Amino acid sequence: MRLADHVVEKLLALVQDRGLQPGQKLPAERQLAEELGVSRTSVREAIQKLVSQGVLSARRGDGTYVQSRPTAHWLQEAMQPLAGLMDADPHYRYDVLETRHALETSTAWLAAQRATAQDKAHIQRCFEVMLQHQQSGHAELAARADAQFHLAIAEASHNLVLVQVMHSLFTVVLSTVERNRHDMFRLSAPVTLQALTAQHQALMQAILDGDPQRARECIGEHLEHVRTTIQRMDEDRARRERSMRLPLDLAPQDLRQPPP
């Protein structure tokens, strides 16, 4: 491994070990060089590399900060076409749910072990905002708060690579959350909203309690519930559409037009 890459890894480990949050400032270059046991030149090169990747941001005359939204540009570009696919074919949301399951079982597990008091307070605030928007009937704002709740958990994992990937998925995740919420809360029984709220709360509580196994189980149960509910609704909708294409004399009685 090249020295520059080795210093990058050490710098990332330092950020994670100290639990530095997006928007927080790193120590000065001189202090970093002493702590990492390398030259200031090596520290500067590592910082520049992480800035180019979108992990850190350098402010002239002020210092270096953890990027407020640490999204690598190459990931953003890779994810952009998915938003268009979602609009063209709603079934891509199942792929997104599978991806979320793979990622969020890890972020929930790590968050339950690593979340700081600040992380836990942020997760609770996101949950409360989501509840407020749900109770006010603001579906779009509730969907955005829902996505922010899951992103807050990812950030509490203190794994910068996972955080980058989750933020890059934000646009796609938000799109699927909005569509899923529309279907589950408007086309399904009102009790669905209560069930999903309870699932979010159980996930949050597992992280607050520092129970990684329970946190992983909660996010798995939550995403599986969303998948099966949406799949059942899609199947019901497809059956209705097929029935509507039947000749009138073959269509089920409840689909025929009433007599004049």
C-alpha atoms as a PDB file:
ATOM      1  CA  MET A   1       0.000   0.000   0.000  1.00  0.00           C
ATOM      2  CA  ARG A   2       1.334   3.460  -0.910  1.00  0.00           C
ATOM      3  CA  LEU A   3       2.183   5.772   1.983  1.00  0.00           C
ATOM      4  CA  ALA A   4      -0.491   8.268   0.911  1.00  0.00           C
ATOM      5  CA  ASP A   5      -3.189   5.573   1.006  1.00  0.00           C
ATOM      6  CA  HIS A   6      -1.912   4.381   4.383  1.00  0.00           C
ATOM      7  CA  VAL A   7      -2.218   7.904   5.798  1.00  0.00           C
ATOM      8  CA  VAL A   8      -5.729   8.216   4.324  1.00  0.00           C
ATOM      9  CA  GLU A   9      -6.774   5.051   6.161  1.00  0.00           C
ATOM     10  CA  LYS A  10      -5.235   6.273   9.426  1.00  0.00           C
ATOM     11  CA  LEU A  11      -6.976   9.620   9.056  1.00  0.00           C
ATOM     12  CA  LEU A  12     -10.341   7.962   8.388  1.00  0.00           C
ATOM     13  CA  ALA A  13      -9.834   5.731  11.432  1.00  0.00           C
ATOM     14  CA  LEU A  14      -9.106   8.791  13.566  1.00  0.00           C
ATOM     15  CA  VAL A  15     -12.310  10.497  12.390  1.00  0.00           C
ATOM     16  CA  GLN A  16     -14.336   7.378  13.176  1.00  0.00           C
ATOM     17  CA  ASP A  17     -12.672   6.684  16.543  1.00  0.00           C
ATOM     18  CA  ARG A  18     -13.388  10.231  17.717  1.00  0.00           C
ATOM     19  CA  GLY A  19     -16.955  10.089  16.472  1.00  0.00           C
ATOM     20  CA  LEU A  20     -16.601  13.293  14.486  1.00  0.00           C
ATOM     21  CA  GLN A  21     -19.958  14.231  12.963  1.00  0.00           C
ATOM     22  CA  PRO A  22     -20.689  15.926   9.621  1.00  0.00           C
ATOM     23  CA  GLY A  23     -19.878  19.610  10.024  1.00  0.00           C
ATOM     24  CA  GLN A  24     -17.346  19.100  12.848  1.00  0.00           C
ATOM     25  CA  LYS A  25     -13.764  20.337  12.546  1.00  0.00           C
ATOM     26  CA  LEU A  26     -10.670  18.135  12.453  1.00  0.00           C
ATOM     27  CA  PRO A  27      -7.583  18.957  14.568  1.00  0.00           C
ATOM     28  CA  ALA A  28      -4.903  21.164  12.973  1.00  0.00           C
ATOM     29  CA  GLU A  29      -2.464  19.567  10.521  1.00  0.00           C
ATOM     30  CA  ARG A  30       0.401  19.780  12.995  1.00  0.00           C
ATOM     31  CA  GLN A  31      -1.582  17.929  15.675  1.00  0.00           C
ATOM     32  CA  LEU A  32      -2.763  15.316  13.165  1.00  0.00           C
ATOM     33  CA  ALA A  33       0.818  14.729  12.020  1.00  0.00           C
ATOM     34  CA  GLU A  34       1.942  14.152  15.603  1.00  0.00           C
ATOM     35  CA  GLU A  35      -0.954  11.804  16.413  1.00  0.00           C
ATOM     36  CA  LEU A  36      -0.602   9.789  13.200  1.00  0.00           C
ATOM     37  CA  GLY A  37       3.206   9.716  13.328  1.00  0.00           C
ATOM     38  CA  VAL A  38       3.670  11.090   9.822  1.00  0.00           C
ATOM     39  CA  SER A  39       4.823  14.323   8.225  1.00  0.00           C
ATOM     40  CA  ARG A  40       2.569  17.352   7.776  1.00  0.00           C
ATOM     41  CA  THR A  41       3.058  16.947   4.022  1.00  0.00           C
ATOM     42  CA  SER A  42       1.598  13.420   4.192  1.00  0.00           C
ATOM     43  CA  VAL A  43      -1.331  14.681   6.271  1.00  0.00           C
ATOM     44  CA  ARG A  44      -1.968  17.465   3.766  1.00  0.00           C
ATOM     45  CA  GLU A  45      -1.942  15.010   0.845  1.00  0.00           C
ATOM     46  CA  ALA A  46      -4.354  12.673   2.670  1.00  0.00           C
ATOM     47  CA  ILE A  47      -6.709  15.563   3.421  1.00  0.00           C
ATOM     48  CA  GLN A  48      -6.643  16.674  -0.218  1.00  0.00           C
ATOM     49  CA  LYS A  49      -7.469  13.147  -1.352  1.00  0.00           C
ATOM     50  CA  LEU A  50     -10.429  12.889   1.049  1.00  0.00           C
ATOM     51  CA  VAL A  51     -11.619  16.342  -0.011  1.00  0.00           C
ATOM     52  CA  SER A  52     -11.625  15.206  -3.649  1.00  0.00           C
ATOM     53  CA  GLN A  53     -13.682  12.151  -2.603  1.00  0.00           C
ATOM     54  CA  GLY A  54     -16.248  14.335  -0.833  1.00  0.00           C
ATOM     55  CA  VAL A  55     -15.471  12.989   2.653  1.00  0.00           C
ATOM     56  CA  LEU A  56     -13.850  16.175   3.985  1.00  0.00           C
ATOM     57  CA  SER A  57     -14.111  19.842   3.087  1.00  0.00           C
ATOM     58  CA  ALA A  58     -11.275  22.358   3.420  1.00  0.00           C
ATOM     59  CA  ARG A  59     -12.090  25.952   4.299  1.00  0.00           C
ATOM     60  CA  ARG A  60      -9.294  28.402   3.529  1.00  0.00           C
ATOM     61  CA  GLY A  61      -8.035  30.059   6.684  1.00  0.00           C
ATOM     62  CA  ASP A  62     -10.400  28.041   8.868  1.00  0.00           C
ATOM     63  CA  GLY A  63      -9.457  24.361   8.747  1.00  0.00           C
ATOM     64  CA  THR A  64     -10.757  20.982   7.638  1.00  0.00           C
ATOM     65  CA  TYR A  65     -14.245  19.676   8.366  1.00  0.00           C
ATOM     66  CA  VAL A  66     -16.130  16.433   7.967  1.00  0.00           C
ATOM     67  CA  GLN A  67     -18.321  17.005   4.926  1.00  0.00           C
ATOM     68  CA  SER A  68     -21.862  18.003   5.938  1.00  0.00           C
ATOM     69  CA  ARG A  69     -23.211  15.578   3.343  1.00  0.00           C
ATOM     70  CA  PRO A  70     -20.317  13.208   2.673  1.00  0.00           C
ATOM     71  CA  THR A  71     -21.340  12.015  -0.767  1.00  0.00           C
ATOM     72  CA  ALA A  72     -18.639  11.011  -3.218  1.00  0.00           C
ATOM     73  CA  HIS A  73     -19.218  12.526  -6.665  1.00  0.00           C
ATOM     74  CA  TRP A  74     -18.713   9.222  -8.464  1.00  0.00           C
ATOM     75  CA  LEU A  75     -21.445   7.657  -6.325  1.00  0.00           C
ATOM     76  CA  GLN A  76     -23.819  10.529  -7.045  1.00  0.00           C
ATOM     77  CA  GLU A  77     -23.292  10.085 -10.780  1.00  0.00           C
ATOM     78  CA  ALA A  78     -23.775   6.319 -10.516  1.00  0.00           C
ATOM     79  CA  MET A  79     -27.045   6.675  -8.611  1.00  0.00           C
ATOM     80  CA  GLN A  80     -28.655   9.384 -10.767  1.00  0.00           C
ATOM     81  CA  PRO A  81     -29.959   7.019 -13.502  1.00  0.00           C
ATOM     82  CA  LEU A  82     -31.814   5.003 -10.863  1.00  0.00           C
ATOM     83  CA  ALA A  83     -34.196   7.880 -10.167  1.00  0.00           C
ATOM     84  CA  GLY A  84     -35.248   7.816 -13.829  1.00  0.00           C
ATOM     85  CA  LEU A  85     -35.716   4.054 -13.732  1.00  0.00           C
ATOM     86  CA  MET A  86     -37.991   4.445 -10.711  1.00  0.00           C
ATOM     87  CA  ASP A  87     -40.253   6.770 -12.670  1.00  0.00           C
ATOM     88  CA  ALA A  88     -40.302   4.471 -15.703  1.00  0.00           C
ATOM     89  CA  ASP A  89     -40.806   1.204 -13.815  1.00  0.00           C
ATOM     90  CA  PRO A  90     -42.105   1.255 -10.204  1.00  0.00           C
ATOM     91  CA  HIS A  91     -40.930  -2.338  -9.731  1.00  0.00           C
ATOM     92  CA  TYR A  92     -37.369  -1.039  -9.342  1.00  0.00           C
ATOM     93  CA  ARG A  93     -38.398  -0.156  -5.790  1.00  0.00           C
ATOM     94  CA  TYR A  94     -38.031  -3.836  -4.926  1.00  0.00           C
ATOM     95  CA  ASP A  95     -34.377  -3.642  -5.946  1.00  0.00           C
ATOM     96  CA  VAL A  96     -34.018  -0.552  -3.791  1.00  0.00           C
ATOM     97  CA  LEU A  97     -35.595  -2.363  -0.833  1.00  0.00           C
ATOM     98  CA  GLU A  98     -33.170  -5.266  -1.284  1.00  0.00           C
ATOM     99  CA  THR A  99     -30.263  -2.829  -1.356  1.00  0.00           C
ATOM    100  CA  ARG A 100     -31.539  -1.043   1.712  1.00  0.00           C
ATOM    101  CA  HIS A 101     -31.849  -4.373   3.533  1.00  0.00           C
ATOM    102  CA  ALA A 102     -28.210  -5.194   2.740  1.00  0.00           C
ATOM    103  CA  LEU A 103     -26.990  -1.773   3.868  1.00  0.00           C
ATOM    104  CA  GLU A 104     -29.276  -0.946   6.767  1.00  0.00           C
ATOM    105  CA  THR A 105     -28.899  -4.222   8.627  1.00  0.00           C
ATOM    106  CA  SER A 106     -25.221  -3.204   8.861  1.00  0.00           C
ATOM    107  CA  THR A 107     -25.799   0.448   9.743  1.00  0.00           C
ATOM    108  CA  ALA A 108     -28.345  -0.456  12.439  1.00  0.00           C
ATOM    109  CA  TRP A 109     -26.002  -3.075  13.901  1.00  0.00           C
ATOM    110  CA  LEU A 110     -23.093  -0.618  14.019  1.00  0.00           C
ATOM    111  CA  ALA A 111     -25.215   2.314  15.229  1.00  0.00           C
ATOM    112  CA  ALA A 112     -26.388   0.303  18.238  1.00  0.00           C
ATOM    113  CA  GLN A 113     -22.739  -0.212  19.183  1.00  0.00           C
ATOM    114  CA  ARG A 114     -21.260   3.181  18.282  1.00  0.00           C
ATOM    115  CA  ALA A 115     -23.983   5.823  18.601  1.00  0.00           C
ATOM    116  CA  THR A 116     -22.964   8.749  20.784  1.00  0.00           C
ATOM    117  CA  ALA A 117     -25.366  10.721  22.959  1.00  0.00           C
ATOM    118  CA  GLN A 118     -25.490  13.305  20.157  1.00  0.00           C
ATOM    119  CA  ASP A 119     -26.313  10.605  17.598  1.00  0.00           C
ATOM    120  CA  LYS A 120     -29.112   9.223  19.744  1.00  0.00           C
ATOM    121  CA  ALA A 121     -30.611  12.683  20.247  1.00  0.00           C
ATOM    122  CA  HIS A 122     -30.515  13.270  16.474  1.00  0.00           C
ATOM    123  CA  ILE A 123     -32.252   9.945  15.759  1.00  0.00           C
ATOM    124  CA  GLN A 124     -34.954  10.780  18.318  1.00  0.00           C
ATOM    125  CA  ARG A 125     -35.498  14.233  16.776  1.00  0.00           C
ATOM    126  CA  CYS A 126     -35.904  12.706  13.311  1.00  0.00           C
ATOM    127  CA  PHE A 127     -38.434  10.231  14.686  1.00  0.00           C
ATOM    128  CA  GLU A 128     -40.406  13.006  16.407  1.00  0.00           C
ATOM    129  CA  VAL A 129     -40.436  15.156  13.254  1.00  0.00           C
ATOM    130  CA  MET A 130     -41.711  12.169  11.264  1.00  0.00           C
ATOM    131  CA  LEU A 131     -44.538  11.676  13.774  1.00  0.00           C
ATOM    132  CA  GLN A 132     -45.471  15.366  13.650  1.00  0.00           C
ATOM    133  CA  HIS A 133     -45.765  15.352   9.855  1.00  0.00           C
ATOM    134  CA  GLN A 134     -47.755  12.107   9.904  1.00  0.00           C
ATOM    135  CA  GLN A 135     -50.205  13.522  12.436  1.00  0.00           C
ATOM    136  CA  SER A 136     -50.526  16.729  10.394  1.00  0.00           C
ATOM    137  CA  GLY A 137     -51.219  14.762   7.219  1.00  0.00           C
ATOM    138  CA  HIS A 138     -48.199  16.113   5.309  1.00  0.00           C
ATOM    139  CA  ALA A 139     -47.331  12.995   3.299  1.00  0.00           C
ATOM    140  CA  GLU A 140     -44.344  14.452   1.406  1.00  0.00           C
ATOM    141  CA  LEU A 141     -42.756  15.938   4.520  1.00  0.00           C
ATOM    142  CA  ALA A 142     -43.388  12.715   6.437  1.00  0.00           C
ATOM    143  CA  ALA A 143     -41.650  10.733   3.675  1.00  0.00           C
ATOM    144  CA  ARG A 144     -38.633  13.056   3.778  1.00  0.00           C
ATOM    145  CA  ALA A 145     -38.492  12.773   7.573  1.00  0.00           C
ATOM    146  CA  ASP A 146     -38.727   8.988   7.240  1.00  0.00           C
ATOM    147  CA  ALA A 147     -35.689   8.944   4.945  1.00  0.00           C
ATOM    148  CA  GLN A 148     -33.830  11.331   7.271  1.00  0.00           C
ATOM    149  CA  PHE A 149     -34.524   8.982  10.188  1.00  0.00           C
ATOM    150  CA  HIS A 150     -32.827   6.120   8.352  1.00  0.00           C
ATOM    151  CA  LEU A 151     -29.941   8.367   7.290  1.00  0.00           C
ATOM    152  CA  ALA A 152     -29.454   9.479  10.911  1.00  0.00           C
ATOM    153  CA  ILE A 153     -29.014   5.824  11.868  1.00  0.00           C
ATOM    154  CA  ALA A 154     -26.481   5.379   9.054  1.00  0.00           C
ATOM    155  CA  GLU A 155     -24.520   8.383  10.313  1.00  0.00           C
ATOM    156  CA  ALA A 156     -24.526   6.897  13.828  1.00  0.00           C
ATOM    157  CA  SER A 157     -22.699   3.847  12.433  1.00  0.00           C
ATOM    158  CA  HIS A 158     -19.579   6.042  12.098  1.00  0.00           C
ATOM    159  CA  ASN A 159     -18.584   4.111   8.996  1.00  0.00           C
ATOM    160  CA  LEU A 160     -17.875   6.827   6.451  1.00  0.00           C
ATOM    161  CA  VAL A 161     -18.135   4.478   3.456  1.00  0.00           C
ATOM    162  CA  LEU A 162     -21.612   3.295   4.503  1.00  0.00           C
ATOM    163  CA  VAL A 163     -22.640   6.898   5.154  1.00  0.00           C
ATOM    164  CA  GLN A 164     -21.441   7.917   1.675  1.00  0.00           C
ATOM    165  CA  VAL A 165     -23.380   5.127   0.009  1.00  0.00           C
ATOM    166  CA  MET A 166     -26.549   5.858   2.007  1.00  0.00           C
ATOM    167  CA  HIS A 167     -26.395   9.571   1.183  1.00  0.00           C
ATOM    168  CA  SER A 168     -25.853   8.746  -2.472  1.00  0.00           C
ATOM    169  CA  LEU A 169     -28.979   6.599  -2.360  1.00  0.00           C
ATOM    170  CA  PHE A 170     -30.931   9.430  -0.695  1.00  0.00           C
ATOM    171  CA  THR A 171     -32.730  10.619  -3.824  1.00  0.00           C
ATOM    172  CA  VAL A 172     -33.691   7.079  -4.823  1.00  0.00           C
ATOM    173  CA  VAL A 173     -34.624   6.092  -1.266  1.00  0.00           C
ATOM    174  CA  LEU A 174     -36.750   9.206  -0.874  1.00  0.00           C
ATOM    175  CA  SER A 175     -38.549   8.430  -4.121  1.00  0.00           C
ATOM    176  CA  THR A 176     -39.332   4.892  -2.999  1.00  0.00           C
ATOM    177  CA  VAL A 177     -40.349   5.995   0.496  1.00  0.00           C
ATOM    178  CA  GLU A 178     -42.805   8.502  -0.971  1.00  0.00           C
ATOM    179  CA  ARG A 179     -44.301   5.913  -3.331  1.00  0.00           C
ATOM    180  CA  ASN A 180     -44.411   3.209  -0.659  1.00  0.00           C
ATOM    181  CA  ARG A 181     -46.046   5.551   1.823  1.00  0.00           C
ATOM    182  CA  HIS A 182     -48.626   6.609  -0.755  1.00  0.00           C
ATOM    183  CA  ASP A 183     -49.596   3.009  -1.420  1.00  0.00           C
ATOM    184  CA  MET A 184     -49.433   1.759   2.151  1.00  0.00           C
ATOM    185  CA  PHE A 185     -51.169   4.673   3.835  1.00  0.00           C
ATOM    186  CA  ARG A 186     -53.767   5.657   1.232  1.00  0.00           C
ATOM    187  CA  LEU A 187     -54.560   2.331  -0.367  1.00  0.00           C
ATOM    188  CA  SER A 188     -54.221   0.176   2.748  1.00  0.00           C
ATOM    189  CA  ALA A 189     -55.909   0.024   6.131  1.00  0.00           C
ATOM    190  CA  PRO A 190     -55.180   2.916   8.544  1.00  0.00           C
ATOM    191  CA  VAL A 191     -53.620   0.423  10.956  1.00  0.00           C
ATOM    192  CA  THR A 192     -50.654   0.186   8.549  1.00  0.00           C
ATOM    193  CA  LEU A 193     -49.416   3.601   9.651  1.00  0.00           C
ATOM    194  CA  GLN A 194     -49.540   2.506  13.281  1.00  0.00           C
ATOM    195  CA  ALA A 195     -47.606  -0.673  12.471  1.00  0.00           C
ATOM    196  CA  LEU A 196     -44.821   1.151  10.653  1.00  0.00           C
ATOM    197  CA  THR A 197     -44.581   3.775  13.381  1.00  0.00           C
ATOM    198  CA  ALA A 198     -44.216   0.993  15.949  1.00  0.00           C
ATOM    199  CA  GLN A 199     -41.484  -0.612  13.808  1.00  0.00           C
ATOM    200  CA  HIS A 200     -39.560   2.668  13.581  1.00  0.00           C
ATOM    201  CA  GLN A 201     -39.897   3.161  17.324  1.00  0.00           C
ATOM    202  CA  ALA A 202     -38.667  -0.371  18.079  1.00  0.00           C
ATOM    203  CA  LEU A 203     -35.652   0.182  15.826  1.00  0.00           C
ATOM    204  CA  MET A 204     -34.866   3.470  17.528  1.00  0.00           C
ATOM    205  CA  GLN A 205     -35.215   1.941  20.990  1.00  0.00           C
ATOM    206  CA  ALA A 206     -32.845  -0.919  20.136  1.00  0.00           C
ATOM    207  CA  ILE A 207     -30.200   1.629  19.128  1.00  0.00           C
ATOM    208  CA  LEU A 208     -30.817   3.756  22.223  1.00  0.00           C
ATOM    209  CA  ASP A 209     -30.464   0.600  24.351  1.00  0.00           C
ATOM    210  CA  GLY A 210     -27.248  -0.405  22.591  1.00  0.00           C
ATOM    211  CA  ASP A 211     -28.687  -3.738  21.429  1.00  0.00           C
ATOM    212  CA  PRO A 212     -27.125  -4.469  17.980  1.00  0.00           C
ATOM    213  CA  GLN A 213     -28.807  -7.837  17.484  1.00  0.00           C
ATOM    214  CA  ARG A 214     -32.256  -6.409  18.175  1.00  0.00           C
ATOM    215  CA  ALA A 215     -31.542  -3.366  15.982  1.00  0.00           C
ATOM    216  CA  ARG A 216     -30.628  -5.627  13.057  1.00  0.00           C
ATOM    217  CA  GLU A 217     -33.756  -7.708  13.594  1.00  0.00           C
ATOM    218  CA  CYS A 218     -35.961  -4.595  13.763  1.00  0.00           C
ATOM    219  CA  ILE A 219     -34.736  -3.079  10.502  1.00  0.00           C
ATOM    220  CA  GLY A 220     -35.006  -6.478   8.791  1.00  0.00           C
ATOM    221  CA  GLU A 221     -38.585  -6.935  10.002  1.00  0.00           C
ATOM    222  CA  HIS A 222     -39.473  -3.374   8.996  1.00  0.00           C
ATOM    223  CA  LEU A 223     -38.157  -3.624   5.437  1.00  0.00           C
ATOM    224  CA  GLU A 224     -39.616  -7.105   4.955  1.00  0.00           C
ATOM    225  CA  HIS A 225     -43.015  -5.805   6.115  1.00  0.00           C
ATOM    226  CA  VAL A 226     -42.802  -2.954   3.597  1.00  0.00           C
ATOM    227  CA  ARG A 227     -41.811  -5.362   0.804  1.00  0.00           C
ATOM    228  CA  THR A 228     -44.580  -7.889   1.431  1.00  0.00           C
ATOM    229  CA  THR A 229     -47.243  -5.205   1.852  1.00  0.00           C
ATOM    230  CA  ILE A 230     -46.256  -3.410  -1.361  1.00  0.00           C
ATOM    231  CA  GLN A 231     -46.012  -6.692  -3.249  1.00  0.00           C
ATOM    232  CA  ARG A 232     -49.496  -7.725  -2.121  1.00  0.00           C
ATOM    233  CA  MET A 233     -50.906  -4.382  -3.246  1.00  0.00           C
ATOM    234  CA  ASP A 234     -49.158  -4.590  -6.620  1.00  0.00           C
ATOM    235  CA  GLU A 235     -50.596  -8.069  -7.151  1.00  0.00           C
ATOM    236  CA  ASP A 236     -54.098  -6.909  -6.182  1.00  0.00           C
ATOM    237  CA  ARG A 237     -53.810  -3.935  -8.533  1.00  0.00           C
ATOM    238  CA  ALA A 238     -52.638  -6.155 -11.392  1.00  0.00           C
ATOM    239  CA  ARG A 239     -55.587  -8.529 -10.855  1.00  0.00           C
ATOM    240  CA  ARG A 240     -58.043  -5.629 -10.946  1.00  0.00           C
ATOM    241  CA  GLU A 241     -56.485  -4.308 -14.152  1.00  0.00           C
ATOM    242  CA  ARG A 242     -56.723  -7.738 -15.794  1.00  0.00           C
ATOM    243  CA  SER A 243     -60.355  -8.031 -14.737  1.00  0.00           C
ATOM    244  CA  MET A 244     -61.159  -4.652 -16.255  1.00  0.00           C
ATOM    245  CA  ARG A 245     -59.896  -5.910 -19.628  1.00  0.00           C
ATOM    246  CA  LEU A 246     -62.377  -8.816 -19.668  1.00  0.00           C
ATOM    247  CA  PRO A 247     -65.451  -8.603 -21.931  1.00  0.00           C
ATOM    248  CA  LEU A 248     -68.360  -7.158 -19.979  1.00  0.00           C
ATOM    249  CA  ASP A 249     -70.337 -10.411 -19.929  1.00  0.00           C
ATOM    250  CA  LEU A 250     -67.343 -12.258 -18.438  1.00  0.00           C
ATOM    251  CA  ALA A 251     -66.307  -9.630 -15.916  1.00  0.00           C
ATOM    252  CA  PRO A 252     -67.078 -10.160 -12.209  1.00  0.00           C
ATOM    253  CA  GLN A 253     -70.425  -8.715 -11.201  1.00  0.00           C
ATOM    254  CA  ASP A 254     -68.927  -5.972  -9.024  1.00  0.00           C
ATOM    255  CA  LEU A 255     -66.910  -4.615 -11.995  1.00  0.00           C
ATOM    256  CA  ARG A 256     -69.856  -4.266 -14.393  1.00  0.00           C
ATOM    257  CA  GLN A 257     -71.540  -0.987 -15.010  1.00  0.00           C
ATOM    258  CA  PRO A 258     -74.877  -0.603 -13.204  1.00  0.00           C
ATOM    259  CA  PRO A 259     -77.960  -0.739 -15.411  1.00  0.00           C
ATOM    260  CA  PRO A 260     -79.393   2.633 -16.567  1.00  0.00           C
END
